[in-house]
Amino acid sequence: MSKERGAFFKSNFFTGIAVSSLAFLAASLIPLLGAFFFILTPLPIIYYYSKTGRIQGFAIFLISLFLVASVLTFSDSIANLPFLFITGFLGLFLSEIFRRNYSIERTVVYPVTAILMLWCSFIVLQSLSAGEDPWHLVEDYIGRNIQESIQFYAQLDIPADQIDLIKGNFKQITNFLANIFPSLVLVSASFIVWLNILAAREIFQRTGMWYPDFGDLSRWKAPEGLIWLLIAAGGILLVPVSLARIVSLNLVIVCMFAYLLQGLSIISFLFKTKNVHRSFRILCYFLIFAQQYLILLLVAVGVFDLWVDFRKFIKPVTYSTS
């Protein structure tokens, strides 16, 4: 029995608890950067679940969550606990998906589906306990986030007229975000899954751990038939029917996200072919997500890649031997 206990409680087990707990706490307590840590909270669970095995990995997740919940009980951040549970669960789920060596599409779709089911279950349970309509809870959540954003902007000395503009259109902004909430949740979940898959690949390869072979992701393309869904959804936006326009707008956002990923894969192919230094790649990706017009430009690149095939114009760097 003592031998089995020693095999269970090994150094990686305690390290996994420490790292996962710190990631959960950083996501909940650090201002501004908390959102960044929140996106990557599944990563420690993915790594240590894969490294220590199912039983130890699951125990790391539960113990870390319990320790963090004990700390957050004494702060207002206890409301973040369901979010931490879902992101930690995503780490467990992705680890299991990796073991099955699926294609990159299935590796993304399955965890995203699981996250959405958890979110829906959480919202339904909250609505039942509060005795309110689920959609009303969503609108309240969006409204609170807008109010927090207004307070944050005020601390950054943003001109008062811009803040007043947001306050004056508070109801319209809330309604608009509520209408596109389904696509925002789907895109956010997909982005978190995609980013953790890429980050896990870097860590696993650097530490010599096995990682599924997804092929060359810099050559990834969205399904060809998706363009027809984008065209149809864009056309329905012109129909003067409120429900139809809301549904089509959500479809347009989802399609644009898929083409954004295709645009990013083209950029990745460019960096890889030209042998661009890693630090410069990170800087470029940061600038892309910091500037909205660059994101829209990449979406356009992803769409027109169906006809242009930009990758065929990107040639590797050749060095002269003379």
C-alpha atoms as a PDB file:
ATOM      1  CA  MET A   1       0.000   0.000   0.000  1.00  0.00           C
ATOM      2  CA  SER A   2       2.801   2.447   0.869  1.00  0.00           C
ATOM      3  CA  LYS A   3       4.443   1.657  -2.479  1.00  0.00           C
ATOM      4  CA  GLU A   4       1.208   2.504  -4.326  1.00  0.00           C
ATOM      5  CA  ARG A   5       0.854   5.713  -2.306  1.00  0.00           C
ATOM      6  CA  GLY A   6       4.401   6.674  -3.185  1.00  0.00           C
ATOM      7  CA  ALA A   7       3.702   6.076  -6.866  1.00  0.00           C
ATOM      8  CA  PHE A   8       0.629   8.288  -6.678  1.00  0.00           C
ATOM      9  CA  PHE A   9       2.085  11.168  -4.692  1.00  0.00           C
ATOM     10  CA  LYS A  10       5.092  11.903  -6.863  1.00  0.00           C
ATOM     11  CA  SER A  11       6.703  15.276  -7.541  1.00  0.00           C
ATOM     12  CA  ASN A  12       4.751  15.943 -10.721  1.00  0.00           C
ATOM     13  CA  PHE A  13       1.534  15.502  -8.769  1.00  0.00           C
ATOM     14  CA  PHE A  14       2.311  18.282  -6.298  1.00  0.00           C
ATOM     15  CA  THR A  15       3.834  20.481  -8.991  1.00  0.00           C
ATOM     16  CA  GLY A  16       0.676  20.061 -11.057  1.00  0.00           C
ATOM     17  CA  ILE A  17      -1.481  21.155  -8.104  1.00  0.00           C
ATOM     18  CA  ALA A  18       0.708  24.198  -7.494  1.00  0.00           C
ATOM     19  CA  VAL A  19       0.861  25.314 -11.127  1.00  0.00           C
ATOM     20  CA  SER A  20      -2.846  24.712 -11.776  1.00  0.00           C
ATOM     21  CA  SER A  21      -3.853  26.539  -8.580  1.00  0.00           C
ATOM     22  CA  LEU A  22      -1.674  29.525  -9.461  1.00  0.00           C
ATOM     23  CA  ALA A  23      -3.192  29.630 -12.960  1.00  0.00           C
ATOM     24  CA  PHE A  24      -6.724  29.599 -11.497  1.00  0.00           C
ATOM     25  CA  LEU A  25      -5.842  32.332  -8.992  1.00  0.00           C
ATOM     26  CA  ALA A  26      -4.160  34.494 -11.631  1.00  0.00           C
ATOM     27  CA  ALA A  27      -7.234  34.256 -13.852  1.00  0.00           C
ATOM     28  CA  SER A  28      -9.486  35.330 -10.977  1.00  0.00           C
ATOM     29  CA  LEU A  29      -7.475  37.931  -9.088  1.00  0.00           C
ATOM     30  CA  ILE A  30      -5.073  39.732 -11.447  1.00  0.00           C
ATOM     31  CA  PRO A  31      -6.623  42.842 -13.014  1.00  0.00           C
ATOM     32  CA  LEU A  32      -6.431  43.262 -16.796  1.00  0.00           C
ATOM     33  CA  LEU A  33      -4.189  40.234 -17.377  1.00  0.00           C
ATOM     34  CA  GLY A  34      -6.744  37.946 -15.743  1.00  0.00           C
ATOM     35  CA  ALA A  35      -8.513  37.411 -19.069  1.00  0.00           C
ATOM     36  CA  PHE A  36      -5.249  36.225 -20.636  1.00  0.00           C
ATOM     37  CA  PHE A  37      -4.625  33.757 -17.805  1.00  0.00           C
ATOM     38  CA  PHE A  38      -8.251  32.638 -17.986  1.00  0.00           C
ATOM     39  CA  ILE A  39      -7.843  31.648 -21.639  1.00  0.00           C
ATOM     40  CA  LEU A  40      -4.799  29.528 -20.810  1.00  0.00           C
ATOM     41  CA  THR A  41      -6.039  27.944 -17.554  1.00  0.00           C
ATOM     42  CA  PRO A  42      -6.717  24.608 -19.325  1.00  0.00           C
ATOM     43  CA  LEU A  43      -3.029  24.348 -20.281  1.00  0.00           C
ATOM     44  CA  PRO A  44      -1.591  23.149 -16.922  1.00  0.00           C
ATOM     45  CA  ILE A  45      -4.398  20.586 -16.634  1.00  0.00           C
ATOM     46  CA  ILE A  46      -3.692  19.339 -20.176  1.00  0.00           C
ATOM     47  CA  TYR A  47       0.007  18.956 -19.449  1.00  0.00           C
ATOM     48  CA  TYR A  48      -0.140  17.296 -16.034  1.00  0.00           C
ATOM     49  CA  TYR A  49      -3.122  15.110 -16.906  1.00  0.00           C
ATOM     50  CA  SER A  50      -1.157  13.781 -19.882  1.00  0.00           C
ATOM     51  CA  LYS A  51       2.071  13.482 -17.890  1.00  0.00           C
ATOM     52  CA  THR A  52       0.794  11.868 -14.681  1.00  0.00           C
ATOM     53  CA  GLY A  53      -2.135   9.825 -16.019  1.00  0.00           C
ATOM     54  CA  ARG A  54      -5.902   9.920 -15.682  1.00  0.00           C
ATOM     55  CA  ILE A  55      -6.317   9.351 -11.940  1.00  0.00           C
ATOM     56  CA  GLN A  56      -3.571  11.738 -10.857  1.00  0.00           C
ATOM     57  CA  GLY A  57      -4.567  14.305 -13.482  1.00  0.00           C
ATOM     58  CA  PHE A  58      -8.194  14.285 -12.374  1.00  0.00           C
ATOM     59  CA  ALA A  59      -7.090  14.596  -8.748  1.00  0.00           C
ATOM     60  CA  ILE A  60      -4.871  17.565  -9.647  1.00  0.00           C
ATOM     61  CA  PHE A  61      -7.870  19.301 -11.206  1.00  0.00           C
ATOM     62  CA  LEU A  62     -10.203  18.683  -8.250  1.00  0.00           C
ATOM     63  CA  ILE A  63      -7.672  19.554  -5.532  1.00  0.00           C
ATOM     64  CA  SER A  64      -6.577  22.728  -7.341  1.00  0.00           C
ATOM     65  CA  LEU A  65     -10.173  23.826  -7.797  1.00  0.00           C
ATOM     66  CA  PHE A  66     -10.940  23.132  -4.121  1.00  0.00           C
ATOM     67  CA  LEU A  67      -7.896  25.090  -2.910  1.00  0.00           C
ATOM     68  CA  VAL A  68      -8.709  28.044  -5.136  1.00  0.00           C
ATOM     69  CA  ALA A  69     -12.376  27.974  -4.089  1.00  0.00           C
ATOM     70  CA  SER A  70     -11.240  28.135  -0.461  1.00  0.00           C
ATOM     71  CA  VAL A  71      -9.220  31.258  -1.220  1.00  0.00           C
ATOM     72  CA  LEU A  72     -11.857  32.936  -3.387  1.00  0.00           C
ATOM     73  CA  THR A  73     -14.515  32.433  -0.701  1.00  0.00           C
ATOM     74  CA  PHE A  74     -13.083  35.488   1.045  1.00  0.00           C
ATOM     75  CA  SER A  75     -13.327  37.713  -2.056  1.00  0.00           C
ATOM     76  CA  ASP A  76     -15.842  38.821  -4.659  1.00  0.00           C
ATOM     77  CA  SER A  77     -14.044  36.626  -7.207  1.00  0.00           C
ATOM     78  CA  ILE A  78     -15.912  33.549  -5.971  1.00  0.00           C
ATOM     79  CA  ALA A  79     -18.329  34.242  -8.854  1.00  0.00           C
ATOM     80  CA  ASN A  80     -15.531  33.119 -11.206  1.00  0.00           C
ATOM     81  CA  LEU A  81     -15.606  29.574  -9.835  1.00  0.00           C
ATOM     82  CA  PRO A  82     -17.993  28.155 -12.499  1.00  0.00           C
ATOM     83  CA  PHE A  83     -15.768  29.649 -15.217  1.00  0.00           C
ATOM     84  CA  LEU A  84     -12.708  28.023 -13.639  1.00  0.00           C
ATOM     85  CA  PHE A  85     -14.489  24.684 -13.465  1.00  0.00           C
ATOM     86  CA  ILE A  86     -15.412  24.842 -17.157  1.00  0.00           C
ATOM     87  CA  THR A  87     -11.912  25.823 -18.298  1.00  0.00           C
ATOM     88  CA  GLY A  88     -10.354  23.170 -16.070  1.00  0.00           C
ATOM     89  CA  PHE A  89     -12.771  20.596 -17.438  1.00  0.00           C
ATOM     90  CA  LEU A  90     -11.703  21.681 -20.917  1.00  0.00           C
ATOM     91  CA  GLY A  91      -8.154  20.699 -19.979  1.00  0.00           C
ATOM     92  CA  LEU A  92      -9.313  17.210 -18.993  1.00  0.00           C
ATOM     93  CA  PHE A  93     -11.403  16.852 -22.136  1.00  0.00           C
ATOM     94  CA  LEU A  94      -8.633  17.997 -24.474  1.00  0.00           C
ATOM     95  CA  SER A  95      -6.187  15.581 -22.859  1.00  0.00           C
ATOM     96  CA  GLU A  96      -8.546  12.704 -23.574  1.00  0.00           C
ATOM     97  CA  ILE A  97      -9.129  13.928 -27.139  1.00  0.00           C
ATOM     98  CA  PHE A  98      -5.353  14.057 -27.719  1.00  0.00           C
ATOM     99  CA  ARG A  99      -5.084  10.372 -26.788  1.00  0.00           C
ATOM    100  CA  ARG A 100      -7.471   9.461 -29.612  1.00  0.00           C
ATOM    101  CA  ASN A 101      -5.379  11.208 -32.279  1.00  0.00           C
ATOM    102  CA  TYR A 102      -8.350  12.725 -34.105  1.00  0.00           C
ATOM    103  CA  SER A 103      -8.110  15.211 -36.948  1.00  0.00           C
ATOM    104  CA  ILE A 104      -7.663  18.865 -36.002  1.00  0.00           C
ATOM    105  CA  GLU A 105     -11.293  19.612 -36.906  1.00  0.00           C
ATOM    106  CA  ARG A 106     -12.686  16.925 -34.599  1.00  0.00           C
ATOM    107  CA  THR A 107     -10.175  17.873 -31.893  1.00  0.00           C
ATOM    108  CA  VAL A 108     -11.663  21.378 -31.925  1.00  0.00           C
ATOM    109  CA  VAL A 109     -15.346  20.549 -32.470  1.00  0.00           C
ATOM    110  CA  TYR A 110     -15.726  17.940 -29.698  1.00  0.00           C
ATOM    111  CA  PRO A 111     -14.349  20.095 -26.828  1.00  0.00           C
ATOM    112  CA  VAL A 112     -16.241  23.159 -28.071  1.00  0.00           C
ATOM    113  CA  THR A 113     -19.461  21.142 -28.053  1.00  0.00           C
ATOM    114  CA  ALA A 114     -18.733  19.969 -24.501  1.00  0.00           C
ATOM    115  CA  ILE A 115     -18.071  23.532 -23.327  1.00  0.00           C
ATOM    116  CA  LEU A 116     -21.277  24.835 -24.880  1.00  0.00           C
ATOM    117  CA  MET A 117     -23.278  22.064 -23.228  1.00  0.00           C
ATOM    118  CA  LEU A 118     -21.743  22.957 -19.854  1.00  0.00           C
ATOM    119  CA  TRP A 119     -22.495  26.647 -20.382  1.00  0.00           C
ATOM    120  CA  CYS A 120     -26.098  25.934 -21.308  1.00  0.00           C
ATOM    121  CA  SER A 121     -26.504  23.672 -18.273  1.00  0.00           C
ATOM    122  CA  PHE A 122     -25.025  26.339 -16.017  1.00  0.00           C
ATOM    123  CA  ILE A 123     -27.333  29.046 -17.397  1.00  0.00           C
ATOM    124  CA  VAL A 124     -30.398  26.812 -17.038  1.00  0.00           C
ATOM    125  CA  LEU A 125     -29.496  25.930 -13.439  1.00  0.00           C
ATOM    126  CA  GLN A 126     -28.928  29.597 -12.639  1.00  0.00           C
ATOM    127  CA  SER A 127     -32.262  30.535 -14.157  1.00  0.00           C
ATOM    128  CA  LEU A 128     -34.085  27.831 -12.195  1.00  0.00           C
ATOM    129  CA  SER A 129     -32.481  28.886  -8.913  1.00  0.00           C
ATOM    130  CA  ALA A 130     -33.171  32.579  -9.585  1.00  0.00           C
ATOM    131  CA  GLY A 131     -36.642  31.958 -10.984  1.00  0.00           C
ATOM    132  CA  GLU A 132     -35.857  34.030 -14.072  1.00  0.00           C
ATOM    133  CA  ASP A 133     -35.853  33.457 -17.804  1.00  0.00           C
ATOM    134  CA  PRO A 134     -32.419  32.211 -19.042  1.00  0.00           C
ATOM    135  CA  TRP A 135     -32.218  34.927 -21.691  1.00  0.00           C
ATOM    136  CA  HIS A 136     -32.879  37.581 -19.030  1.00  0.00           C
ATOM    137  CA  LEU A 137     -29.845  36.304 -17.127  1.00  0.00           C
ATOM    138  CA  VAL A 138     -27.761  36.635 -20.288  1.00  0.00           C
ATOM    139  CA  GLU A 139     -28.885  40.249 -20.744  1.00  0.00           C
ATOM    140  CA  ASP A 140     -28.095  41.013 -17.082  1.00  0.00           C
ATOM    141  CA  TYR A 141     -24.637  39.479 -17.495  1.00  0.00           C
ATOM    142  CA  ILE A 142     -23.947  41.573 -20.600  1.00  0.00           C
ATOM    143  CA  GLY A 143     -25.239  44.709 -18.891  1.00  0.00           C
ATOM    144  CA  ARG A 144     -22.959  44.188 -15.871  1.00  0.00           C
ATOM    145  CA  ASN A 145     -19.959  43.719 -18.143  1.00  0.00           C
ATOM    146  CA  ILE A 146     -20.746  46.945 -20.004  1.00  0.00           C
ATOM    147  CA  GLN A 147     -21.030  48.797 -16.691  1.00  0.00           C
ATOM    148  CA  GLU A 148     -17.668  47.395 -15.576  1.00  0.00           C
ATOM    149  CA  SER A 149     -16.157  48.445 -18.909  1.00  0.00           C
ATOM    150  CA  ILE A 150     -17.472  51.987 -18.430  1.00  0.00           C
ATOM    151  CA  GLN A 151     -15.866  52.154 -14.979  1.00  0.00           C
ATOM    152  CA  PHE A 152     -12.609  50.793 -16.401  1.00  0.00           C
ATOM    153  CA  TYR A 153     -12.602  53.345 -19.240  1.00  0.00           C
ATOM    154  CA  ALA A 154     -13.167  56.135 -16.723  1.00  0.00           C
ATOM    155  CA  GLN A 155     -10.006  55.077 -14.858  1.00  0.00           C
ATOM    156  CA  LEU A 156      -8.013  55.247 -18.106  1.00  0.00           C
ATOM    157  CA  ASP A 157      -8.874  58.939 -18.585  1.00  0.00           C
ATOM    158  CA  ILE A 158     -10.782  58.268 -21.791  1.00  0.00           C
ATOM    159  CA  PRO A 159     -12.585  61.448 -22.945  1.00  0.00           C
ATOM    160  CA  ALA A 160     -15.864  61.938 -21.118  1.00  0.00           C
ATOM    161  CA  ASP A 161     -17.823  62.380 -24.351  1.00  0.00           C
ATOM    162  CA  GLN A 162     -16.901  58.852 -25.469  1.00  0.00           C
ATOM    163  CA  ILE A 163     -17.975  57.399 -22.122  1.00  0.00           C
ATOM    164  CA  ASP A 164     -21.205  59.412 -22.284  1.00  0.00           C
ATOM    165  CA  LEU A 165     -21.814  57.991 -25.759  1.00  0.00           C
ATOM    166  CA  ILE A 166     -21.646  54.453 -24.360  1.00  0.00           C
ATOM    167  CA  LYS A 167     -23.917  55.379 -21.459  1.00  0.00           C
ATOM    168  CA  GLY A 168     -26.412  57.030 -23.787  1.00  0.00           C
ATOM    169  CA  ASN A 169     -26.600  53.938 -25.984  1.00  0.00           C
ATOM    170  CA  PHE A 170     -26.404  51.439 -23.133  1.00  0.00           C
ATOM    171  CA  LYS A 171     -29.714  49.744 -23.962  1.00  0.00           C
ATOM    172  CA  GLN A 172     -28.970  49.468 -27.679  1.00  0.00           C
ATOM    173  CA  ILE A 173     -25.487  48.053 -27.053  1.00  0.00           C
ATOM    174  CA  THR A 174     -26.869  45.534 -24.568  1.00  0.00           C
ATOM    175  CA  ASN A 175     -29.570  44.382 -27.012  1.00  0.00           C
ATOM    176  CA  PHE A 176     -27.096  44.092 -29.874  1.00  0.00           C
ATOM    177  CA  LEU A 177     -24.623  42.011 -27.837  1.00  0.00           C
ATOM    178  CA  ALA A 178     -27.475  39.852 -26.542  1.00  0.00           C
ATOM    179  CA  ASN A 179     -28.582  39.174 -30.122  1.00  0.00           C
ATOM    180  CA  ILE A 180     -25.122  37.995 -31.177  1.00  0.00           C
ATOM    181  CA  PHE A 181     -24.415  36.258 -27.868  1.00  0.00           C
ATOM    182  CA  PRO A 182     -24.705  32.706 -29.335  1.00  0.00           C
ATOM    183  CA  SER A 183     -22.047  33.368 -31.977  1.00  0.00           C
ATOM    184  CA  LEU A 184     -19.830  35.212 -29.481  1.00  0.00           C
ATOM    185  CA  VAL A 185     -19.905  32.231 -27.130  1.00  0.00           C
ATOM    186  CA  LEU A 186     -19.219  29.778 -29.961  1.00  0.00           C
ATOM    187  CA  VAL A 187     -16.347  31.872 -31.340  1.00  0.00           C
ATOM    188  CA  SER A 188     -14.867  32.445 -27.868  1.00  0.00           C
ATOM    189  CA  ALA A 189     -14.997  28.736 -27.028  1.00  0.00           C
ATOM    190  CA  SER A 190     -13.453  27.821 -30.389  1.00  0.00           C
ATOM    191  CA  PHE A 191     -10.680  30.389 -29.974  1.00  0.00           C
ATOM    192  CA  ILE A 192      -9.844  29.151 -26.464  1.00  0.00           C
ATOM    193  CA  VAL A 193      -9.725  25.540 -27.651  1.00  0.00           C
ATOM    194  CA  TRP A 194      -7.628  26.438 -30.712  1.00  0.00           C
ATOM    195  CA  LEU A 195      -5.150  28.486 -28.685  1.00  0.00           C
ATOM    196  CA  ASN A 196      -4.706  25.777 -26.057  1.00  0.00           C
ATOM    197  CA  ILE A 197      -4.134  23.154 -28.760  1.00  0.00           C
ATOM    198  CA  LEU A 198      -1.346  25.254 -30.265  1.00  0.00           C
ATOM    199  CA  ALA A 199       0.159  26.116 -26.880  1.00  0.00           C
ATOM    200  CA  ALA A 200       0.057  22.475 -25.767  1.00  0.00           C
ATOM    201  CA  ARG A 201       1.858  21.439 -28.952  1.00  0.00           C
ATOM    202  CA  GLU A 202       4.737  23.796 -28.146  1.00  0.00           C
ATOM    203  CA  ILE A 203       5.043  22.547 -24.565  1.00  0.00           C
ATOM    204  CA  PHE A 204       4.694  18.858 -25.399  1.00  0.00           C
ATOM    205  CA  GLN A 205       7.270  19.019 -28.184  1.00  0.00           C
ATOM    206  CA  ARG A 206       9.745  20.954 -26.039  1.00  0.00           C
ATOM    207  CA  THR A 207       9.442  18.448 -23.173  1.00  0.00           C
ATOM    208  CA  GLY A 208       9.615  15.394 -25.434  1.00  0.00           C
ATOM    209  CA  MET A 209       6.062  14.230 -24.719  1.00  0.00           C
ATOM    210  CA  TRP A 210       3.925  12.541 -27.355  1.00  0.00           C
ATOM    211  CA  TYR A 211       1.566  14.851 -29.219  1.00  0.00           C
ATOM    212  CA  PRO A 212      -1.019  13.963 -31.894  1.00  0.00           C
ATOM    213  CA  ASP A 213       0.005  14.540 -35.502  1.00  0.00           C
ATOM    214  CA  PHE A 214      -2.332  17.155 -36.962  1.00  0.00           C
ATOM    215  CA  GLY A 215      -0.199  17.621 -40.039  1.00  0.00           C
ATOM    216  CA  ASP A 216       0.977  21.030 -41.215  1.00  0.00           C
ATOM    217  CA  LEU A 217      -1.553  23.420 -39.656  1.00  0.00           C
ATOM    218  CA  SER A 218      -0.094  26.301 -41.660  1.00  0.00           C
ATOM    219  CA  ARG A 219      -1.826  24.721 -44.686  1.00  0.00           C
ATOM    220  CA  TRP A 220      -5.223  24.453 -42.988  1.00  0.00           C
ATOM    221  CA  LYS A 221      -8.231  25.698 -44.951  1.00  0.00           C
ATOM    222  CA  ALA A 222     -11.885  26.138 -44.056  1.00  0.00           C
ATOM    223  CA  PRO A 223     -14.336  23.791 -45.807  1.00  0.00           C
ATOM    224  CA  GLU A 224     -14.996  25.028 -49.344  1.00  0.00           C
ATOM    225  CA  GLY A 225     -18.776  24.878 -48.895  1.00  0.00           C
ATOM    226  CA  LEU A 226     -18.597  27.396 -46.040  1.00  0.00           C
ATOM    227  CA  ILE A 227     -18.441  30.263 -48.516  1.00  0.00           C
ATOM    228  CA  TRP A 228     -21.993  29.519 -49.655  1.00  0.00           C
ATOM    229  CA  LEU A 229     -23.228  29.685 -46.059  1.00  0.00           C
ATOM    230  CA  LEU A 230     -21.486  33.053 -45.682  1.00  0.00           C
ATOM    231  CA  ILE A 231     -23.037  34.371 -48.906  1.00  0.00           C
ATOM    232  CA  ALA A 232     -26.509  33.112 -47.968  1.00  0.00           C
ATOM    233  CA  ALA A 233     -26.288  34.537 -44.444  1.00  0.00           C
ATOM    234  CA  GLY A 234     -25.072  37.854 -45.810  1.00  0.00           C
ATOM    235  CA  GLY A 235     -28.007  37.963 -48.200  1.00  0.00           C
ATOM    236  CA  ILE A 236     -30.531  37.220 -45.445  1.00  0.00           C
ATOM    237  CA  LEU A 237     -29.207  40.269 -43.552  1.00  0.00           C
ATOM    238  CA  LEU A 238     -31.062  42.339 -46.151  1.00  0.00           C
ATOM    239  CA  VAL A 239     -34.398  40.686 -45.307  1.00  0.00           C
ATOM    240  CA  PRO A 240     -36.541  43.048 -43.153  1.00  0.00           C
ATOM    241  CA  VAL A 241     -37.405  40.334 -40.626  1.00  0.00           C
ATOM    242  CA  SER A 242     -35.866  40.762 -37.186  1.00  0.00           C
ATOM    243  CA  LEU A 243     -35.426  37.070 -36.276  1.00  0.00           C
ATOM    244  CA  ALA A 244     -33.996  36.197 -39.697  1.00  0.00           C
ATOM    245  CA  ARG A 245     -31.476  39.027 -39.487  1.00  0.00           C
ATOM    246  CA  ILE A 246     -30.382  37.997 -35.989  1.00  0.00           C
ATOM    247  CA  VAL A 247     -29.847  34.369 -37.051  1.00  0.00           C
ATOM    248  CA  SER A 248     -27.996  35.377 -40.205  1.00  0.00           C
ATOM    249  CA  LEU A 249     -25.783  37.828 -38.308  1.00  0.00           C
ATOM    250  CA  ASN A 250     -24.734  35.062 -35.934  1.00  0.00           C
ATOM    251  CA  LEU A 251     -23.943  32.822 -38.909  1.00  0.00           C
ATOM    252  CA  VAL A 252     -21.880  35.574 -40.542  1.00  0.00           C
ATOM    253  CA  ILE A 253     -19.809  36.016 -37.369  1.00  0.00           C
ATOM    254  CA  VAL A 254     -19.118  32.271 -37.119  1.00  0.00           C
ATOM    255  CA  CYS A 255     -18.131  32.069 -40.806  1.00  0.00           C
ATOM    256  CA  MET A 256     -15.870  35.101 -40.467  1.00  0.00           C
ATOM    257  CA  PHE A 257     -14.115  33.449 -37.522  1.00  0.00           C
ATOM    258  CA  ALA A 258     -13.434  30.345 -39.600  1.00  0.00           C
ATOM    259  CA  TYR A 259     -11.917  32.494 -42.338  1.00  0.00           C
ATOM    260  CA  LEU A 260      -9.918  34.395 -39.726  1.00  0.00           C
ATOM    261  CA  LEU A 261      -8.325  31.073 -38.754  1.00  0.00           C
ATOM    262  CA  GLN A 262      -7.583  30.438 -42.424  1.00  0.00           C
ATOM    263  CA  GLY A 263      -5.997  33.881 -42.689  1.00  0.00           C
ATOM    264  CA  LEU A 264      -3.898  33.155 -39.604  1.00  0.00           C
ATOM    265  CA  SER A 265      -2.780  29.851 -41.113  1.00  0.00           C
ATOM    266  CA  ILE A 266      -1.572  31.754 -44.191  1.00  0.00           C
ATOM    267  CA  ILE A 267       0.410  34.115 -41.942  1.00  0.00           C
ATOM    268  CA  SER A 268       1.827  31.078 -40.140  1.00  0.00           C
ATOM    269  CA  PHE A 269       2.801  29.566 -43.495  1.00  0.00           C
ATOM    270  CA  LEU A 270       4.541  32.847 -44.420  1.00  0.00           C
ATOM    271  CA  PHE A 271       6.494  32.917 -41.148  1.00  0.00           C
ATOM    272  CA  LYS A 272       7.432  29.257 -41.493  1.00  0.00           C
ATOM    273  CA  THR A 273       8.490  29.514 -45.137  1.00  0.00           C
ATOM    274  CA  LYS A 274      10.526  32.692 -44.567  1.00  0.00           C
ATOM    275  CA  ASN A 275      12.011  31.273 -41.343  1.00  0.00           C
ATOM    276  CA  VAL A 276      10.884  34.292 -39.298  1.00  0.00           C
ATOM    277  CA  HIS A 277      12.244  34.437 -35.741  1.00  0.00           C
ATOM    278  CA  ARG A 278       9.821  33.316 -33.013  1.00  0.00           C
ATOM    279  CA  SER A 279       9.931  36.611 -31.095  1.00  0.00           C
ATOM    280  CA  PHE A 280       8.923  38.546 -34.221  1.00  0.00           C
ATOM    281  CA  ARG A 281       6.078  36.096 -34.856  1.00  0.00           C
ATOM    282  CA  ILE A 282       4.714  36.660 -31.348  1.00  0.00           C
ATOM    283  CA  LEU A 283       4.905  40.435 -31.833  1.00  0.00           C
ATOM    284  CA  CYS A 284       3.032  40.212 -35.139  1.00  0.00           C
ATOM    285  CA  TYR A 285       0.265  38.048 -33.671  1.00  0.00           C
ATOM    286  CA  PHE A 286      -0.083  40.499 -30.783  1.00  0.00           C
ATOM    287  CA  LEU A 287      -0.427  43.417 -33.197  1.00  0.00           C
ATOM    288  CA  ILE A 288      -2.999  41.507 -35.245  1.00  0.00           C
ATOM    289  CA  PHE A 289      -5.309  40.971 -32.291  1.00  0.00           C
ATOM    290  CA  ALA A 290      -4.703  44.462 -30.960  1.00  0.00           C
ATOM    291  CA  GLN A 291      -5.876  46.109 -34.203  1.00  0.00           C
ATOM    292  CA  GLN A 292      -9.405  45.353 -35.380  1.00  0.00           C
ATOM    293  CA  TYR A 293      -8.744  46.377 -38.978  1.00  0.00           C
ATOM    294  CA  LEU A 294      -5.951  43.783 -39.207  1.00  0.00           C
ATOM    295  CA  ILE A 295      -8.399  41.100 -38.066  1.00  0.00           C
ATOM    296  CA  LEU A 296     -10.859  42.158 -40.780  1.00  0.00           C
ATOM    297  CA  LEU A 297      -8.008  42.146 -43.303  1.00  0.00           C
ATOM    298  CA  LEU A 298      -7.114  38.570 -42.347  1.00  0.00           C
ATOM    299  CA  VAL A 299     -10.768  37.529 -42.672  1.00  0.00           C
ATOM    300  CA  ALA A 300     -10.754  38.947 -46.211  1.00  0.00           C
ATOM    301  CA  VAL A 301      -7.490  37.117 -46.948  1.00  0.00           C
ATOM    302  CA  GLY A 302      -9.059  33.871 -45.736  1.00  0.00           C
ATOM    303  CA  VAL A 303     -12.108  34.362 -47.951  1.00  0.00           C
ATOM    304  CA  PHE A 304     -10.218  35.290 -51.126  1.00  0.00           C
ATOM    305  CA  ASP A 305      -7.742  32.468 -50.552  1.00  0.00           C
ATOM    306  CA  LEU A 306     -10.442  30.198 -52.006  1.00  0.00           C
ATOM    307  CA  TRP A 307      -9.717  31.679 -55.432  1.00  0.00           C
ATOM    308  CA  VAL A 308      -6.231  33.180 -55.125  1.00  0.00           C
ATOM    309  CA  ASP A 309      -4.386  30.509 -53.077  1.00  0.00           C
ATOM    310  CA  PHE A 310      -1.921  32.928 -51.503  1.00  0.00           C
ATOM    311  CA  ARG A 311       0.402  30.174 -50.304  1.00  0.00           C
ATOM    312  CA  LYS A 312       1.564  29.361 -53.847  1.00  0.00           C
ATOM    313  CA  PHE A 313       3.065  32.858 -54.104  1.00  0.00           C
ATOM    314  CA  ILE A 314       5.103  32.431 -50.901  1.00  0.00           C
ATOM    315  CA  LYS A 315       8.533  31.059 -51.753  1.00  0.00           C
ATOM    316  CA  PRO A 316      11.130  29.853 -49.231  1.00  0.00           C
ATOM    317  CA  VAL A 317      14.206  31.935 -48.509  1.00  0.00           C
ATOM    318  CA  THR A 318      17.193  30.935 -50.625  1.00  0.00           C
ATOM    319  CA  TYR A 319      20.733  31.587 -49.458  1.00  0.00           C
ATOM    320  CA  SER A 320      23.558  32.163 -51.897  1.00  0.00           C
ATOM    321  CA  THR A 321      26.548  29.843 -51.473  1.00  0.00           C
ATOM    322  CA  SER A 322      28.936  32.174 -53.291  1.00  0.00           C
END
